């Protein structure tokens, strides 16, 4: 199987809703970045396509693969340490938890530890910036290059539309802001279309008007 997703979260039964739900959302910037990097590397694993680092107050000693093809790795999360870590330092704190989890995974699972460690290092060196181009299209008739640029930070997710003509910026603005969780934004944008002098950003929904996120009139 190919590894596609990485998750880090506390076990609800151990830490309760007030800790678990905000923690999950705050980790998604890091885990989304790591997930994209392991997907790009197309890493073969021993029977799992997702790894979940699960915080427990009394973690088990060994990793395991469940019936849903998920590699579970239990780690200890110190509630006080988490609560006393400032938001600016949370990505570094979350990275350390994942590194702790990697140390618990036996080689028999073929977890691409080097890819994950290198991705964590790259993320830290970038200043914890998780940004990528979702879509880039050239419209030759209108002499336009249009791009959808994603920025998934620890605070929120932002989608920007950038429109260039002959090297000049025609438009470059944020057109969507959501909470920092893929579930909040994954269906809200899909493609860039051109209709005469109008740039249209579509969604993954199929019914009008929900199938259009944004329209930009160029004249």
N, C-alpha and C. Protein backbone atom coordinates (compact mmCIF):
# COMPACT_ATOMS: atom_id res chain seq x y z
N UNK A 1 0.83 -1.20 0.00
CA UNK A 1 0.00 0.00 0.00
C UNK A 1 0.87 1.26 0.00
N UNK A 2 0.29 2.36 -0.46
CA UNK A 2 0.99 3.64 -0.49
C UNK A 2 0.52 4.49 0.69
N UNK A 3 1.46 5.03 1.45
CA UNK A 3 1.12 5.89 2.58
C UNK A 3 0.62 7.24 2.06
N UNK A 4 -0.56 7.67 2.55
CA UNK A 4 -1.17 8.90 2.05
C UNK A 4 -1.45 9.94 3.13
N UNK A 5 -1.68 9.50 4.36
CA UNK A 5 -2.14 10.44 5.38
C UNK A 5 -1.41 10.24 6.70
N UNK A 6 -1.22 11.34 7.42
CA UNK A 6 -0.64 11.31 8.76
C UNK A 6 -1.52 12.14 9.69
N UNK A 7 -1.84 11.56 10.83
CA UNK A 7 -2.68 12.24 11.82
C UNK A 7 -2.02 12.21 13.19
N UNK A 8 -2.29 13.24 13.97
CA UNK A 8 -1.83 13.34 15.35
C UNK A 8 -2.97 13.91 16.18
N UNK A 9 -3.38 13.17 17.20
CA UNK A 9 -4.48 13.66 18.04
C UNK A 9 -4.52 12.90 19.36
N UNK A 10 -5.12 13.50 20.40
CA UNK A 10 -5.28 12.80 21.67
C UNK A 10 -6.51 11.89 21.63
N UNK A 11 -6.45 10.81 22.40
CA UNK A 11 -7.61 9.93 22.54
C UNK A 11 -8.68 10.66 23.35
N UNK A 12 -9.89 10.74 22.78
CA UNK A 12 -10.99 11.48 23.41
C UNK A 12 -11.29 10.98 24.82
N UNK A 13 -11.29 9.67 25.01
CA UNK A 13 -11.63 9.11 26.32
C UNK A 13 -10.61 9.48 27.39
N UNK A 14 -9.37 9.74 26.98
CA UNK A 14 -8.33 10.09 27.94
C UNK A 14 -8.29 11.58 28.25
N UNK A 15 -8.58 12.41 27.24
CA UNK A 15 -8.33 13.84 27.41
C UNK A 15 -9.58 14.72 27.35
N UNK A 16 -10.70 14.18 26.91
CA UNK A 16 -11.94 14.95 26.88
C UNK A 16 -12.04 15.89 25.68
N UNK A 17 -13.24 16.40 25.47
CA UNK A 17 -13.53 17.23 24.29
C UNK A 17 -12.76 18.54 24.29
N UNK A 18 -12.60 19.17 25.45
CA UNK A 18 -11.98 20.49 25.51
C UNK A 18 -10.53 20.47 25.06
N UNK A 19 -9.86 19.33 25.25
CA UNK A 19 -8.48 19.18 24.80
C UNK A 19 -8.45 18.62 23.37
N UNK A 20 -9.21 17.56 23.15
CA UNK A 20 -9.08 16.78 21.92
C UNK A 20 -9.44 17.55 20.65
N UNK A 21 -10.58 18.22 20.62
CA UNK A 21 -11.04 18.83 19.37
C UNK A 21 -10.17 20.01 18.93
N UNK A 22 -9.83 20.95 19.83
CA UNK A 22 -8.90 22.01 19.39
C UNK A 22 -7.53 21.47 19.00
N UNK A 23 -7.05 20.47 19.72
CA UNK A 23 -5.74 19.86 19.42
C UNK A 23 -5.73 19.31 18.00
N UNK A 24 -6.78 18.55 17.65
CA UNK A 24 -6.87 17.96 16.31
C UNK A 24 -6.77 19.03 15.22
N UNK A 25 -7.50 20.13 15.41
CA UNK A 25 -7.52 21.19 14.40
C UNK A 25 -6.16 21.87 14.28
N UNK A 26 -5.51 22.09 15.42
CA UNK A 26 -4.22 22.77 15.42
C UNK A 26 -3.12 21.94 14.77
N UNK A 27 -3.26 20.62 14.78
CA UNK A 27 -2.22 19.76 14.19
C UNK A 27 -2.34 19.62 12.68
N UNK A 28 -3.46 20.05 12.10
CA UNK A 28 -3.69 19.73 10.69
C UNK A 28 -2.73 20.43 9.74
N UNK A 29 -2.23 21.61 10.08
CA UNK A 29 -1.27 22.27 9.20
C UNK A 29 -0.02 21.41 9.04
N UNK A 30 0.54 20.96 10.15
CA UNK A 30 1.72 20.09 10.12
C UNK A 30 1.39 18.77 9.42
N UNK A 31 0.31 18.13 9.82
CA UNK A 31 0.00 16.79 9.28
C UNK A 31 -0.38 16.85 7.81
N UNK A 32 -1.04 17.92 7.39
CA UNK A 32 -1.33 18.09 5.97
C UNK A 32 -0.04 18.21 5.17
N UNK A 33 0.91 18.98 5.69
CA UNK A 33 2.21 19.14 5.02
C UNK A 33 2.92 17.79 4.91
N UNK A 34 2.97 17.05 6.01
CA UNK A 34 3.64 15.74 6.00
C UNK A 34 2.92 14.77 5.07
N UNK A 35 1.60 14.81 5.08
CA UNK A 35 0.83 13.93 4.20
C UNK A 35 1.11 14.19 2.73
N UNK A 36 1.22 15.46 2.37
CA UNK A 36 1.52 15.78 0.97
C UNK A 36 2.91 15.29 0.58
N UNK A 37 3.86 15.39 1.50
CA UNK A 37 5.23 14.97 1.20
C UNK A 37 5.35 13.44 1.06
N UNK A 38 4.68 12.69 1.94
CA UNK A 38 4.77 11.23 1.81
C UNK A 38 4.00 10.75 0.58
N UNK A 39 2.93 11.46 0.22
CA UNK A 39 2.19 11.10 -0.99
C UNK A 39 3.06 11.30 -2.24
N UNK A 40 3.78 12.42 -2.25
CA UNK A 40 4.68 12.70 -3.37
C UNK A 40 5.76 11.63 -3.50
N UNK A 41 6.22 11.11 -2.35
CA UNK A 41 7.30 10.12 -2.34
C UNK A 41 6.81 8.73 -2.71
N UNK A 42 5.49 8.52 -2.71
CA UNK A 42 4.88 7.22 -3.04
C UNK A 42 5.56 6.08 -2.28
N UNK A 43 5.45 6.16 -0.96
CA UNK A 43 6.12 5.21 -0.07
C UNK A 43 5.29 3.94 0.11
N UNK A 44 5.85 2.79 -0.24
CA UNK A 44 5.20 1.50 -0.03
C UNK A 44 5.30 1.11 1.45
N UNK A 45 4.18 0.61 2.00
CA UNK A 45 4.15 0.21 3.40
C UNK A 45 3.68 -1.24 3.53
N UNK A 46 3.76 -1.73 4.76
CA UNK A 46 3.34 -3.11 5.04
C UNK A 46 1.88 -3.14 5.47
N UNK A 47 0.97 -2.85 4.52
CA UNK A 47 -0.45 -3.05 4.79
C UNK A 47 -1.20 -1.89 5.40
N UNK A 48 -0.71 -0.65 5.26
CA UNK A 48 -1.46 0.49 5.78
C UNK A 48 -1.24 1.69 4.86
N UNK A 49 -2.27 2.56 4.80
CA UNK A 49 -2.15 3.78 3.98
C UNK A 49 -2.28 5.05 4.80
N UNK A 50 -2.41 4.89 6.11
CA UNK A 50 -2.52 6.03 7.02
C UNK A 50 -1.82 5.68 8.32
N UNK A 51 -1.17 6.67 8.93
CA UNK A 51 -0.60 6.46 10.25
C UNK A 51 -1.20 7.49 11.20
N UNK A 52 -1.65 7.02 12.36
CA UNK A 52 -2.23 7.88 13.37
C UNK A 52 -1.39 7.81 14.64
N UNK A 53 -0.84 8.94 15.03
CA UNK A 53 -0.14 9.05 16.30
C UNK A 53 -1.18 9.50 17.33
N UNK A 54 -1.51 8.59 18.24
CA UNK A 54 -2.64 8.80 19.15
C UNK A 54 -2.14 9.03 20.57
N UNK A 55 -2.46 10.18 21.12
CA UNK A 55 -2.03 10.50 22.47
C UNK A 55 -2.83 9.73 23.51
N UNK A 56 -2.14 9.06 24.40
CA UNK A 56 -2.77 8.33 25.50
C UNK A 56 -2.05 8.68 26.80
N UNK A 57 -2.78 8.61 27.90
CA UNK A 57 -2.14 8.85 29.20
C UNK A 57 -1.30 7.65 29.63
N UNK A 58 -1.69 6.47 29.15
CA UNK A 58 -0.89 5.26 29.39
C UNK A 58 -0.75 4.53 28.05
N UNK A 59 0.16 4.99 27.19
CA UNK A 59 0.28 4.42 25.84
C UNK A 59 0.81 3.00 25.85
N UNK A 60 0.34 2.20 24.88
CA UNK A 60 0.87 0.85 24.72
C UNK A 60 2.27 0.94 24.12
N UNK A 61 3.01 -0.13 24.27
CA UNK A 61 4.41 -0.11 23.85
C UNK A 61 4.65 -0.36 22.39
N UNK A 62 3.68 -0.97 21.68
CA UNK A 62 3.92 -1.37 20.30
C UNK A 62 2.91 -0.75 19.34
N UNK A 63 3.38 -0.49 18.14
CA UNK A 63 2.49 -0.03 17.08
C UNK A 63 1.67 -1.21 16.55
N UNK A 64 0.58 -0.92 15.86
CA UNK A 64 -0.29 -1.99 15.35
C UNK A 64 -1.02 -1.49 14.11
N UNK A 65 -1.41 -2.42 13.24
CA UNK A 65 -2.22 -2.09 12.07
C UNK A 65 -3.61 -2.65 12.30
N UNK A 66 -4.64 -1.80 12.19
CA UNK A 66 -6.00 -2.27 12.44
C UNK A 66 -6.69 -2.70 11.14
N UNK A 67 -7.96 -3.08 11.25
CA UNK A 67 -8.70 -3.62 10.10
C UNK A 67 -9.02 -2.56 9.05
N UNK A 68 -8.81 -1.29 9.37
CA UNK A 68 -9.05 -0.20 8.42
C UNK A 68 -7.78 0.24 7.71
N UNK A 69 -6.74 -0.60 7.81
CA UNK A 69 -5.45 -0.31 7.17
C UNK A 69 -4.79 0.96 7.72
N UNK A 70 -4.94 1.15 9.02
CA UNK A 70 -4.34 2.29 9.71
C UNK A 70 -3.27 1.79 10.67
N UNK A 71 -2.09 2.37 10.58
CA UNK A 71 -1.03 2.09 11.55
C UNK A 71 -1.25 2.99 12.76
N UNK A 72 -1.53 2.39 13.90
CA UNK A 72 -1.73 3.15 15.13
C UNK A 72 -0.48 3.16 15.99
N UNK A 73 -0.08 4.34 16.42
CA UNK A 73 1.10 4.49 17.28
C UNK A 73 0.68 5.32 18.49
N UNK A 74 0.67 4.70 19.65
CA UNK A 74 0.26 5.41 20.85
C UNK A 74 1.45 6.12 21.48
N UNK A 75 1.25 7.39 21.82
CA UNK A 75 2.30 8.21 22.43
C UNK A 75 1.74 8.90 23.66
N UNK A 76 2.62 9.36 24.53
CA UNK A 76 2.18 10.08 25.72
C UNK A 76 2.08 11.56 25.41
N UNK A 77 0.95 12.16 25.76
CA UNK A 77 0.78 13.61 25.66
C UNK A 77 0.59 14.16 27.06
N UNK A 78 1.49 15.04 27.45
CA UNK A 78 1.40 15.70 28.75
C UNK A 78 0.44 16.88 28.60
N UNK A 79 -0.70 16.77 29.24
CA UNK A 79 -1.75 17.78 29.10
C UNK A 79 -1.26 19.17 29.50
N UNK A 80 -0.53 19.25 30.61
CA UNK A 80 -0.05 20.55 31.08
C UNK A 80 0.96 21.16 30.11
N UNK A 81 1.85 20.32 29.58
CA UNK A 81 2.84 20.82 28.62
C UNK A 81 2.15 21.38 27.38
N UNK A 82 1.15 20.68 26.90
CA UNK A 82 0.40 21.16 25.73
C UNK A 82 -0.28 22.49 26.02
N UNK A 83 -0.97 22.58 27.15
CA UNK A 83 -1.71 23.79 27.48
C UNK A 83 -0.80 24.98 27.74
N UNK A 84 0.42 24.73 28.17
CA UNK A 84 1.37 25.81 28.47
C UNK A 84 2.28 26.16 27.30
N UNK A 85 2.09 25.50 26.17
CA UNK A 85 2.88 25.81 24.98
C UNK A 85 2.18 26.91 24.19
N UNK A 86 2.89 28.00 23.91
CA UNK A 86 2.29 29.10 23.16
C UNK A 86 1.99 28.66 21.73
N UNK A 87 1.04 29.33 21.11
CA UNK A 87 0.62 28.94 19.76
C UNK A 87 1.78 29.01 18.77
N UNK A 88 2.68 29.96 18.97
CA UNK A 88 3.83 30.12 18.07
C UNK A 88 4.77 28.91 18.13
N UNK A 89 4.71 28.17 19.23
CA UNK A 89 5.63 27.03 19.41
C UNK A 89 4.94 25.68 19.25
N UNK A 90 3.65 25.70 18.91
CA UNK A 90 2.90 24.45 18.84
C UNK A 90 3.38 23.54 17.71
N UNK A 91 3.71 24.09 16.55
CA UNK A 91 4.17 23.22 15.46
C UNK A 91 5.43 22.46 15.85
N UNK A 92 6.33 23.13 16.55
CA UNK A 92 7.55 22.46 17.02
C UNK A 92 7.20 21.38 18.05
N UNK A 93 6.25 21.69 18.93
CA UNK A 93 5.80 20.72 19.93
C UNK A 93 5.15 19.50 19.25
N UNK A 94 4.28 19.74 18.29
CA UNK A 94 3.63 18.64 17.58
C UNK A 94 4.67 17.79 16.82
N UNK A 95 5.65 18.46 16.25
CA UNK A 95 6.71 17.73 15.53
C UNK A 95 7.45 16.79 16.45
N UNK A 96 7.72 17.25 17.66
CA UNK A 96 8.41 16.42 18.65
C UNK A 96 7.58 15.19 19.00
N UNK A 97 6.27 15.35 19.13
CA UNK A 97 5.40 14.21 19.43
C UNK A 97 5.46 13.17 18.32
N UNK A 98 5.47 13.63 17.07
CA UNK A 98 5.56 12.69 15.95
C UNK A 98 6.91 11.99 15.95
N UNK A 99 7.97 12.73 16.22
CA UNK A 99 9.30 12.12 16.30
C UNK A 99 9.35 11.06 17.39
N UNK A 100 8.71 11.34 18.53
CA UNK A 100 8.63 10.34 19.60
C UNK A 100 7.91 9.09 19.11
N UNK A 101 6.84 9.30 18.33
CA UNK A 101 6.09 8.17 17.80
C UNK A 101 6.88 7.35 16.80
N UNK A 102 7.67 8.01 15.98
CA UNK A 102 8.49 7.29 14.99
C UNK A 102 9.44 6.31 15.67
N UNK A 103 9.95 6.69 16.83
CA UNK A 103 10.89 5.83 17.56
C UNK A 103 10.24 4.53 18.03
N UNK A 104 8.90 4.51 18.08
CA UNK A 104 8.20 3.33 18.58
C UNK A 104 7.80 2.35 17.48
N UNK A 105 8.02 2.73 16.22
CA UNK A 105 7.55 1.90 15.11
C UNK A 105 8.65 0.95 14.66
N UNK A 106 8.35 -0.34 14.71
CA UNK A 106 9.30 -1.37 14.30
C UNK A 106 9.52 -1.33 12.79
N UNK A 107 10.71 -1.72 12.36
CA UNK A 107 11.05 -1.69 10.93
C UNK A 107 10.16 -2.59 10.08
N UNK A 108 9.50 -3.58 10.70
CA UNK A 108 8.68 -4.51 9.92
C UNK A 108 7.51 -3.82 9.23
N UNK A 109 7.14 -2.63 9.70
CA UNK A 109 6.01 -1.92 9.10
C UNK A 109 6.40 -1.07 7.89
N UNK A 110 7.68 -0.94 7.62
CA UNK A 110 8.17 -0.17 6.46
C UNK A 110 7.66 1.26 6.46
N UNK A 111 7.56 1.86 7.63
CA UNK A 111 7.18 3.27 7.72
C UNK A 111 8.35 4.12 7.22
N UNK A 112 8.13 5.01 6.25
CA UNK A 112 9.23 5.81 5.69
C UNK A 112 9.68 6.92 6.65
N UNK A 113 10.38 6.51 7.69
CA UNK A 113 10.76 7.46 8.73
C UNK A 113 11.63 8.58 8.19
N UNK A 114 12.55 8.25 7.28
CA UNK A 114 13.45 9.28 6.76
C UNK A 114 12.69 10.35 5.99
N UNK A 115 11.68 9.95 5.24
CA UNK A 115 10.87 10.92 4.49
C UNK A 115 10.13 11.85 5.45
N UNK A 116 9.57 11.27 6.51
CA UNK A 116 8.83 12.07 7.49
C UNK A 116 9.76 13.00 8.25
N UNK A 117 10.90 12.50 8.68
CA UNK A 117 11.87 13.32 9.43
C UNK A 117 12.36 14.48 8.55
N UNK A 118 12.69 14.19 7.30
CA UNK A 118 13.15 15.24 6.40
C UNK A 118 12.06 16.28 6.13
N UNK A 119 10.82 15.81 6.03
CA UNK A 119 9.71 16.73 5.80
C UNK A 119 9.50 17.64 7.01
N UNK A 120 9.62 17.07 8.21
CA UNK A 120 9.51 17.88 9.43
C UNK A 120 10.60 18.95 9.45
N UNK A 121 11.81 18.55 9.10
CA UNK A 121 12.93 19.50 9.06
C UNK A 121 12.69 20.61 8.04
N UNK A 122 12.20 20.23 6.85
CA UNK A 122 11.92 21.23 5.81
C UNK A 122 10.82 22.19 6.25
N UNK A 123 9.80 21.65 6.91
CA UNK A 123 8.68 22.47 7.39
C UNK A 123 9.18 23.49 8.41
N UNK A 124 10.03 23.04 9.32
CA UNK A 124 10.58 23.94 10.33
C UNK A 124 11.46 25.02 9.68
N UNK A 125 12.28 24.61 8.72
CA UNK A 125 13.18 25.57 8.04
C UNK A 125 12.40 26.62 7.25
N UNK A 126 11.21 26.27 6.80
CA UNK A 126 10.39 27.22 6.04
C UNK A 126 9.67 28.21 6.94
N UNK A 127 9.82 28.05 8.26
CA UNK A 127 9.05 28.87 9.18
C UNK A 127 7.66 28.34 9.38
N UNK A 128 7.51 27.02 9.17
CA UNK A 128 6.23 26.32 9.31
C UNK A 128 5.17 26.88 8.35
N UNK A 129 5.60 27.13 7.11
CA UNK A 129 4.68 27.60 6.08
C UNK A 129 4.24 26.41 5.22
N UNK A 130 2.95 26.17 5.19
CA UNK A 130 2.37 25.09 4.39
C UNK A 130 1.58 25.71 3.25
N UNK A 131 2.24 25.89 2.12
CA UNK A 131 1.63 26.55 0.98
C UNK A 131 1.88 25.75 -0.29
N UNK A 132 0.89 25.68 -1.16
CA UNK A 132 1.04 24.94 -2.41
C UNK A 132 0.08 25.49 -3.46
N UNK A 133 0.40 25.18 -4.71
CA UNK A 133 -0.46 25.59 -5.83
C UNK A 133 -1.42 24.44 -6.13
N UNK A 134 -2.70 24.70 -5.92
CA UNK A 134 -3.72 23.67 -6.17
C UNK A 134 -3.97 23.51 -7.67
N UNK A 135 -4.02 24.61 -8.38
CA UNK A 135 -4.32 24.57 -9.82
C UNK A 135 -3.69 25.77 -10.51
N UNK A 136 -3.11 25.52 -11.69
CA UNK A 136 -2.56 26.61 -12.51
C UNK A 136 -2.99 26.36 -13.95
N UNK A 137 -3.63 27.36 -14.55
CA UNK A 137 -4.13 27.19 -15.92
C UNK A 137 -3.77 28.39 -16.78
N UNK A 138 -3.46 28.08 -18.03
CA UNK A 138 -3.13 29.11 -19.02
C UNK A 138 -4.31 29.24 -19.99
N UNK A 139 -4.79 30.47 -20.15
CA UNK A 139 -5.86 30.75 -21.11
C UNK A 139 -5.25 31.61 -22.22
N UNK A 140 -4.86 30.95 -23.31
CA UNK A 140 -4.11 31.63 -24.37
C UNK A 140 -4.92 32.73 -25.05
N UNK A 141 -6.20 32.49 -25.27
CA UNK A 141 -7.03 33.48 -25.96
C UNK A 141 -7.06 34.80 -25.20
N UNK A 142 -7.14 34.72 -23.87
CA UNK A 142 -7.19 35.93 -23.05
C UNK A 142 -5.80 36.37 -22.57
N UNK A 143 -4.76 35.57 -22.92
CA UNK A 143 -3.39 35.85 -22.49
C UNK A 143 -3.29 35.92 -20.96
N UNK A 144 -3.90 34.94 -20.30
CA UNK A 144 -3.94 34.92 -18.84
C UNK A 144 -3.33 33.64 -18.28
N UNK A 145 -2.69 33.78 -17.13
CA UNK A 145 -2.26 32.64 -16.33
C UNK A 145 -2.94 32.78 -14.97
N UNK A 146 -3.75 31.79 -14.60
CA UNK A 146 -4.52 31.85 -13.36
C UNK A 146 -4.09 30.72 -12.42
N UNK A 147 -3.92 31.05 -11.15
CA UNK A 147 -3.48 30.06 -10.17
C UNK A 147 -4.35 30.13 -8.92
N UNK A 148 -4.62 28.95 -8.35
CA UNK A 148 -5.24 28.85 -7.03
C UNK A 148 -4.16 28.42 -6.05
N UNK A 149 -3.89 29.27 -5.07
CA UNK A 149 -2.80 29.04 -4.13
C UNK A 149 -3.37 28.81 -2.74
N UNK A 150 -2.99 27.68 -2.14
CA UNK A 150 -3.48 27.29 -0.82
C UNK A 150 -2.45 27.62 0.25
N UNK A 151 -2.93 28.13 1.37
CA UNK A 151 -2.08 28.35 2.54
C UNK A 151 -2.81 27.82 3.76
N UNK A 152 -2.27 26.72 4.32
CA UNK A 152 -2.90 26.07 5.47
C UNK A 152 -2.00 26.30 6.68
N UNK A 153 -2.34 27.28 7.49
CA UNK A 153 -1.55 27.61 8.67
C UNK A 153 -2.19 27.00 9.91
N UNK A 154 -1.56 27.22 11.04
CA UNK A 154 -2.11 26.72 12.30
C UNK A 154 -3.36 27.51 12.69
N UNK A 155 -3.52 28.70 12.11
CA UNK A 155 -4.65 29.57 12.45
C UNK A 155 -5.86 29.37 11.56
N UNK A 156 -5.61 29.18 10.25
CA UNK A 156 -6.72 29.04 9.31
C UNK A 156 -6.22 28.49 7.98
N UNK A 157 -7.17 28.27 7.07
CA UNK A 157 -6.85 27.93 5.68
C UNK A 157 -7.29 29.09 4.81
N UNK A 158 -6.41 29.48 3.87
CA UNK A 158 -6.74 30.56 2.95
C UNK A 158 -6.48 30.11 1.51
N UNK A 159 -7.42 30.44 0.65
CA UNK A 159 -7.27 30.18 -0.78
C UNK A 159 -7.19 31.52 -1.51
N UNK A 160 -6.13 31.69 -2.31
CA UNK A 160 -5.96 32.92 -3.07
C UNK A 160 -6.08 32.63 -4.57
N UNK A 161 -6.63 33.57 -5.28
CA UNK A 161 -6.66 33.53 -6.74
C UNK A 161 -5.67 34.57 -7.26
N UNK A 162 -4.73 34.11 -8.09
CA UNK A 162 -3.75 35.01 -8.70
C UNK A 162 -3.93 34.96 -10.21
N UNK A 163 -4.10 36.13 -10.81
CA UNK A 163 -4.30 36.23 -12.26
C UNK A 163 -3.19 37.12 -12.83
N UNK A 164 -2.46 36.57 -13.81
CA UNK A 164 -1.35 37.29 -14.44
C UNK A 164 -1.63 37.47 -15.93
N UNK A 165 -1.21 38.63 -16.46
CA UNK A 165 -1.29 38.87 -17.90
C UNK A 165 0.02 39.52 -18.35
N UNK A 166 0.75 38.82 -19.22
CA UNK A 166 2.02 39.33 -19.75
C UNK A 166 2.97 39.75 -18.63
N UNK A 167 3.00 38.96 -17.57
CA UNK A 167 3.92 39.23 -16.47
C UNK A 167 3.41 40.20 -15.44
N UNK A 168 2.27 40.83 -15.69
CA UNK A 168 1.69 41.78 -14.74
C UNK A 168 0.59 41.11 -13.93
N UNK A 169 0.51 41.48 -12.66
CA UNK A 169 -0.53 40.95 -11.78
C UNK A 169 -1.83 41.70 -12.03
N UNK A 170 -2.84 40.97 -12.48
CA UNK A 170 -4.16 41.56 -12.71
C UNK A 170 -5.00 41.48 -11.44
N UNK A 171 -4.83 40.37 -10.70
CA UNK A 171 -5.62 40.14 -9.49
C UNK A 171 -4.85 39.19 -8.60
N UNK A 172 -4.80 39.45 -7.31
CA UNK A 172 -4.14 38.55 -6.36
C UNK A 172 -4.73 38.77 -4.98
N UNK A 173 -5.78 38.03 -4.66
CA UNK A 173 -6.48 38.22 -3.39
C UNK A 173 -6.95 36.89 -2.82
N UNK A 174 -7.13 36.89 -1.50
CA UNK A 174 -7.71 35.74 -0.81
C UNK A 174 -9.20 35.69 -1.13
N UNK A 175 -9.68 34.54 -1.57
CA UNK A 175 -11.10 34.41 -1.94
C UNK A 175 -11.85 33.44 -1.03
N UNK A 176 -11.12 32.78 -0.13
CA UNK A 176 -11.76 31.83 0.79
C UNK A 176 -10.93 31.71 2.06
N UNK A 177 -11.60 31.78 3.22
CA UNK A 177 -10.96 31.55 4.51
C UNK A 177 -11.84 30.58 5.30
N UNK A 178 -11.23 29.51 5.83
CA UNK A 178 -11.96 28.53 6.64
C UNK A 178 -11.13 28.18 7.87
N UNK A 179 -11.70 27.43 8.82
CA UNK A 179 -10.89 26.87 9.89
C UNK A 179 -9.80 25.96 9.32
N UNK A 180 -8.72 25.73 10.07
CA UNK A 180 -7.57 24.97 9.54
C UNK A 180 -7.78 23.46 9.55
N UNK A 181 -8.77 23.00 8.80
CA UNK A 181 -9.10 21.58 8.76
C UNK A 181 -9.58 21.24 7.35
N UNK A 182 -9.03 20.18 6.77
CA UNK A 182 -9.40 19.80 5.41
C UNK A 182 -10.90 19.58 5.25
N UNK A 183 -11.56 19.09 6.28
CA UNK A 183 -13.00 18.86 6.20
C UNK A 183 -13.77 20.15 5.96
N UNK A 184 -13.18 21.27 6.37
CA UNK A 184 -13.86 22.56 6.22
C UNK A 184 -13.68 23.17 4.84
N UNK A 185 -12.66 22.71 4.09
CA UNK A 185 -12.39 23.39 2.82
C UNK A 185 -12.26 22.49 1.59
N UNK A 186 -12.09 21.19 1.75
CA UNK A 186 -11.70 20.35 0.61
C UNK A 186 -12.71 20.38 -0.53
N UNK A 187 -13.98 20.59 -0.25
CA UNK A 187 -15.02 20.56 -1.28
C UNK A 187 -15.33 21.94 -1.85
N UNK A 188 -14.69 22.97 -1.31
CA UNK A 188 -15.08 24.34 -1.65
C UNK A 188 -14.38 24.92 -2.87
N UNK A 189 -13.42 24.19 -3.42
CA UNK A 189 -12.77 24.66 -4.65
C UNK A 189 -12.27 23.47 -5.45
N UNK A 190 -12.25 23.65 -6.77
CA UNK A 190 -11.84 22.55 -7.64
C UNK A 190 -11.05 23.02 -8.86
N UNK A 191 -11.65 23.90 -9.67
CA UNK A 191 -11.06 24.21 -10.97
C UNK A 191 -11.17 25.71 -11.26
N UNK A 192 -10.47 26.13 -12.32
CA UNK A 192 -10.55 27.50 -12.83
C UNK A 192 -11.06 27.42 -14.27
N UNK A 193 -12.15 28.12 -14.54
CA UNK A 193 -12.72 28.15 -15.88
C UNK A 193 -12.73 29.58 -16.41
N UNK A 194 -12.87 29.70 -17.72
CA UNK A 194 -12.93 31.02 -18.36
C UNK A 194 -14.21 31.10 -19.16
N UNK A 195 -14.99 32.14 -18.95
CA UNK A 195 -16.22 32.37 -19.71
C UNK A 195 -16.18 33.80 -20.25
N UNK A 196 -15.77 33.92 -21.51
CA UNK A 196 -15.55 35.24 -22.13
C UNK A 196 -14.54 36.05 -21.31
N UNK A 197 -15.00 37.10 -20.62
CA UNK A 197 -14.08 37.94 -19.86
C UNK A 197 -14.20 37.69 -18.35
N UNK A 198 -14.68 36.51 -17.98
CA UNK A 198 -14.90 36.21 -16.56
C UNK A 198 -14.13 34.97 -16.14
N UNK A 199 -13.34 35.11 -15.07
CA UNK A 199 -12.65 33.97 -14.46
C UNK A 199 -13.58 33.38 -13.41
N UNK A 200 -13.77 32.06 -13.48
CA UNK A 200 -14.70 31.38 -12.56
C UNK A 200 -13.95 30.30 -11.79
N UNK A 201 -14.05 30.35 -10.47
CA UNK A 201 -13.48 29.30 -9.62
C UNK A 201 -14.63 28.40 -9.19
N UNK A 202 -14.55 27.13 -9.58
CA UNK A 202 -15.63 26.19 -9.27
C UNK A 202 -15.35 25.43 -7.98
N UNK A 203 -16.39 24.78 -7.47
CA UNK A 203 -16.28 23.93 -6.29
C UNK A 203 -16.47 22.46 -6.70
N UNK A 204 -16.44 21.56 -5.73
CA UNK A 204 -16.68 20.15 -6.01
C UNK A 204 -18.16 19.79 -5.91
N UNK A 205 -19.00 20.78 -5.66
CA UNK A 205 -20.44 20.56 -5.61
C UNK A 205 -21.01 20.67 -7.02
N UNK A 206 -22.20 20.12 -7.23
CA UNK A 206 -22.73 19.99 -8.59
C UNK A 206 -23.97 20.83 -8.87
N UNK A 207 -24.56 21.43 -7.86
CA UNK A 207 -25.79 22.18 -8.08
C UNK A 207 -25.54 23.67 -7.96
N UNK A 208 -26.23 24.44 -8.79
CA UNK A 208 -26.13 25.90 -8.74
C UNK A 208 -26.90 26.43 -7.53
N UNK A 209 -26.44 27.51 -6.89
CA UNK A 209 -25.22 28.27 -7.18
C UNK A 209 -23.99 27.75 -6.42
N UNK A 210 -24.15 26.61 -5.72
CA UNK A 210 -23.07 26.12 -4.86
C UNK A 210 -21.86 25.60 -5.63
N UNK A 211 -22.01 25.42 -6.94
CA UNK A 211 -20.90 24.89 -7.73
C UNK A 211 -19.90 25.97 -8.15
N UNK A 212 -20.16 27.21 -7.77
CA UNK A 212 -19.23 28.31 -8.06
C UNK A 212 -18.84 28.99 -6.76
N UNK A 213 -17.53 29.09 -6.54
CA UNK A 213 -17.01 29.79 -5.36
C UNK A 213 -16.84 31.27 -5.62
N UNK A 214 -16.31 31.61 -6.81
CA UNK A 214 -15.90 33.01 -7.04
C UNK A 214 -15.94 33.33 -8.53
N UNK A 215 -16.32 34.56 -8.84
CA UNK A 215 -16.29 35.06 -10.21
C UNK A 215 -15.51 36.37 -10.26
N UNK A 216 -14.68 36.50 -11.28
CA UNK A 216 -13.90 37.73 -11.45
C UNK A 216 -14.12 38.28 -12.85
N UNK A 217 -14.80 39.43 -12.93
CA UNK A 217 -14.99 40.12 -14.22
C UNK A 217 -13.72 40.89 -14.54
N UNK A 218 -13.21 40.70 -15.74
CA UNK A 218 -11.96 41.35 -16.13
C UNK A 218 -12.18 42.65 -16.89
N UNK A 219 -13.44 42.97 -17.21
CA UNK A 219 -13.69 44.23 -17.92
C UNK A 219 -15.02 44.83 -17.44
